[in-house]
Amino acid sequence: MDLGTVQESGVGERLRGAFRRYPTGVAVITALGPDGPVGLTASSVASVSVDPPAVSFSVMGTRSARVLLDAPSLVVHLLGVRHLGVAREFAHSGGDRFTPEQGWSTLPSGEPVLPGAVAALRAAPLHRVPVGESTLVIASVLEVFHGPDDRPLIHHARKFVTSTPTEGF
């Protein structure tokens, strides 16, 4: 492996390139904003703690992200391949969002929820940490909804890909 010499001015681009090589799961994060539901696709979701239950994710300064950051609660949807189209639509501004064909519903607490997602985590932000152009959010998980099993949906090298799990280790 040739790590080369990392120069300070190129570290950000090299970091971006490194994480393009690192596969992650795909999630759509939604909330109810003052003008209706908002959402975005995220590949930065991570489990932080089981006791107390908490997750983290980061967002950049898009309009949807700003509404999510101001929301008192949100829903993190962990997606499988059946929701590839949803992931694509929520990954860019102007995408078709919250359409009847996508299967959205509303929780009693008001947030939009995708009942067919592998899992949906209703959460309340605990900490919002600005880091450069992004904001790291740590959220307390209030409720967990399990949906039907599905094959993994993965984000890798700037593309959505699917995978068939292998047997054990």
Protein backbone atom coordinates (compact mmCIF):
# COMPACT_ATOMS: atom_id res chain seq x y z
CA MET A 1 0.00 0.00 0.00
CA ASP A 2 1.40 3.34 -1.02
CA LEU A 3 0.18 5.85 1.50
CA GLY A 4 2.21 8.60 -0.11
CA THR A 5 2.89 11.89 1.56
CA VAL A 6 -0.24 13.61 2.76
CA GLN A 7 0.04 17.35 2.49
CA GLU A 8 -2.19 19.42 4.71
CA SER A 9 -3.94 21.19 1.82
CA GLY A 10 -5.01 17.86 0.28
CA VAL A 11 -6.08 16.01 3.42
CA GLY A 12 -9.79 16.83 2.98
CA GLU A 13 -9.89 15.53 -0.59
CA ARG A 14 -7.87 12.45 0.37
CA LEU A 15 -10.29 11.85 3.27
CA ARG A 16 -13.24 12.13 0.88
CA GLY A 17 -11.52 9.65 -1.45
CA ALA A 18 -10.82 7.26 1.42
CA PHE A 19 -14.47 7.18 2.51
CA ARG A 20 -15.64 6.65 -1.07
CA ARG A 21 -13.77 3.35 -0.79
CA TYR A 22 -15.52 2.47 2.48
CA PRO A 23 -18.97 0.89 2.12
CA THR A 24 -21.74 2.08 4.44
CA GLY A 25 -25.40 1.37 5.00
CA VAL A 26 -28.04 3.72 3.62
CA ALA A 27 -30.62 5.61 5.67
CA VAL A 28 -33.24 8.26 5.01
CA ILE A 29 -33.77 10.71 7.87
CA THR A 30 -37.12 12.50 8.08
CA ALA A 31 -38.83 15.07 10.26
CA LEU A 32 -41.91 17.22 10.28
CA GLY A 33 -40.94 20.81 9.59
CA PRO A 34 -43.04 23.96 9.81
CA ASP A 35 -43.88 23.69 6.09
CA GLY A 36 -44.40 19.91 6.02
CA PRO A 37 -42.24 16.80 5.95
CA VAL A 38 -38.54 16.95 5.02
CA GLY A 39 -35.95 14.27 4.53
CA LEU A 40 -32.55 13.38 3.17
CA THR A 41 -30.44 10.32 2.44
CA ALA A 42 -27.52 9.69 4.81
CA SER A 43 -24.72 7.16 4.87
CA SER A 44 -23.23 8.42 8.13
CA VAL A 45 -25.64 6.76 10.59
CA ALA A 46 -24.01 4.89 13.46
CA SER A 47 -25.10 3.27 16.69
CA VAL A 48 -23.63 5.20 19.62
CA SER A 49 -25.01 3.43 22.66
CA VAL A 50 -27.56 0.80 23.64
CA ASP A 51 -27.91 2.04 27.22
CA PRO A 52 -29.01 4.78 26.85
CA PRO A 53 -30.12 4.08 23.27
CA ALA A 54 -28.52 6.64 20.95
CA VAL A 55 -27.48 7.06 17.31
CA SER A 56 -25.40 9.60 15.42
CA PHE A 57 -25.33 10.99 11.90
CA SER A 58 -23.99 14.03 10.13
CA VAL A 59 -25.63 16.42 7.71
CA MET A 60 -24.45 19.30 5.55
CA GLY A 61 -26.17 22.69 5.29
CA THR A 62 -28.96 21.87 2.84
CA ARG A 63 -32.48 23.24 3.35
CA SER A 64 -33.71 19.81 4.47
CA ALA A 65 -30.75 19.45 6.84
CA ARG A 66 -31.46 22.83 8.45
CA VAL A 67 -35.09 21.81 9.09
CA LEU A 68 -33.94 18.44 10.52
CA LEU A 69 -31.50 20.23 12.84
CA ASP A 70 -34.31 22.40 14.20
CA ALA A 71 -36.81 19.54 14.63
CA PRO A 72 -37.56 18.31 18.16
CA SER A 73 -37.75 14.72 16.85
CA LEU A 74 -36.95 12.81 13.68
CA VAL A 75 -37.00 9.31 12.23
CA VAL A 76 -33.92 7.47 10.97
CA HIS A 77 -34.97 4.84 8.41
CA LEU A 78 -32.49 2.01 7.82
CA LEU A 79 -33.06 0.91 4.23
CA GLY A 80 -32.77 -2.31 2.26
CA VAL A 81 -32.78 -2.82 -1.50
CA ARG A 82 -36.57 -2.53 -1.80
CA HIS A 83 -36.12 1.19 -1.05
CA LEU A 84 -33.34 1.94 -3.54
CA GLY A 85 -35.65 4.35 -5.37
CA VAL A 86 -36.47 6.19 -2.14
CA ALA A 87 -32.76 6.50 -1.30
CA ARG A 88 -32.06 7.96 -4.75
CA GLU A 89 -34.93 10.47 -4.59
CA PHE A 90 -33.93 11.73 -1.15
CA ALA A 91 -30.24 11.95 -2.13
CA HIS A 92 -30.65 15.05 -4.31
CA SER A 93 -32.60 18.27 -4.08
CA GLY A 94 -35.76 18.30 -6.13
CA GLY A 95 -36.28 14.54 -5.87
CA ASP A 96 -39.77 13.08 -5.54
CA ARG A 97 -40.31 12.77 -1.80
CA PHE A 98 -43.16 11.48 0.34
CA THR A 99 -45.16 10.21 -2.61
CA PRO A 100 -48.00 7.70 -2.09
CA GLU A 101 -46.10 5.18 -4.24
CA GLN A 102 -43.20 5.25 -1.77
CA GLY A 103 -45.52 4.06 1.03
CA TRP A 104 -45.14 6.84 3.61
CA SER A 105 -47.30 7.08 6.70
CA THR A 106 -47.33 9.37 9.74
CA LEU A 107 -46.53 8.45 13.32
CA PRO A 108 -48.96 9.60 16.05
CA SER A 109 -46.22 12.07 17.07
CA GLY A 110 -46.35 13.65 13.57
CA GLU A 111 -43.13 12.47 11.90
CA PRO A 112 -43.23 10.85 8.47
CA VAL A 113 -42.41 7.13 8.63
CA LEU A 114 -41.71 4.49 6.00
CA PRO A 115 -43.31 1.33 7.45
CA GLY A 116 -41.56 -0.95 4.93
CA ALA A 117 -38.05 0.12 5.98
CA VAL A 118 -35.83 -2.53 7.57
CA ALA A 119 -36.06 -0.44 10.74
CA ALA A 120 -37.22 3.03 11.72
CA LEU A 121 -35.76 4.77 14.77
CA ARG A 122 -37.73 7.67 16.22
CA ALA A 123 -35.22 9.91 17.94
CA ALA A 124 -34.76 13.27 19.63
CA PRO A 125 -31.54 15.25 19.10
CA LEU A 126 -29.36 15.45 22.21
CA HIS A 127 -26.31 17.22 20.78
CA ARG A 128 -25.66 19.13 17.58
CA VAL A 129 -21.95 19.67 17.00
CA PRO A 130 -20.93 21.97 14.11
CA VAL A 131 -17.83 20.68 12.31
CA GLY A 132 -16.82 22.74 9.27
CA GLU A 133 -19.68 22.62 6.75
CA SER A 134 -21.33 19.68 8.52
CA THR A 135 -23.18 19.11 11.77
CA LEU A 136 -22.79 15.93 13.79
CA VAL A 137 -26.05 14.97 15.49
CA ILE A 138 -26.26 12.63 18.46
CA ALA A 139 -29.85 11.62 19.09
CA SER A 140 -31.62 9.68 21.82
CA VAL A 141 -33.64 6.79 20.38
CA LEU A 142 -37.22 6.96 21.68
CA GLU A 143 -38.86 4.14 19.69
CA VAL A 144 -37.71 1.37 17.35
CA PHE A 145 -39.94 -0.09 14.64
CA HIS A 146 -38.83 -3.24 12.81
CA GLY A 147 -40.00 -3.70 9.23
CA PRO A 148 -39.64 -6.68 6.92
CA ASP A 149 -36.22 -8.22 6.32
CA ASP A 150 -34.49 -7.15 3.15
CA ARG A 151 -31.12 -7.48 1.44
CA PRO A 152 -28.58 -4.77 2.36
CA LEU A 153 -28.49 -1.47 0.50
CA ILE A 154 -24.96 -0.11 0.53
CA HIS A 155 -23.37 3.18 -0.50
CA HIS A 156 -19.93 2.66 -2.01
CA ALA A 157 -17.80 4.67 -4.45
CA ARG A 158 -20.61 7.23 -4.89
CA LYS A 159 -23.12 4.56 -5.95
CA PHE A 160 -25.87 2.54 -4.32
CA VAL A 161 -25.04 -1.16 -4.50
CA THR A 162 -26.59 -4.35 -3.20
CA SER A 163 -24.94 -7.33 -1.63
CA THR A 164 -25.78 -10.89 -0.82
CA PRO A 165 -24.54 -11.74 2.68
CA THR A 166 -22.05 -14.57 3.02
CA GLU A 167 -22.22 -17.36 5.57
CA GLY A 168 -20.63 -16.56 8.94
CA PHE A 169 -16.94 -15.85 9.40
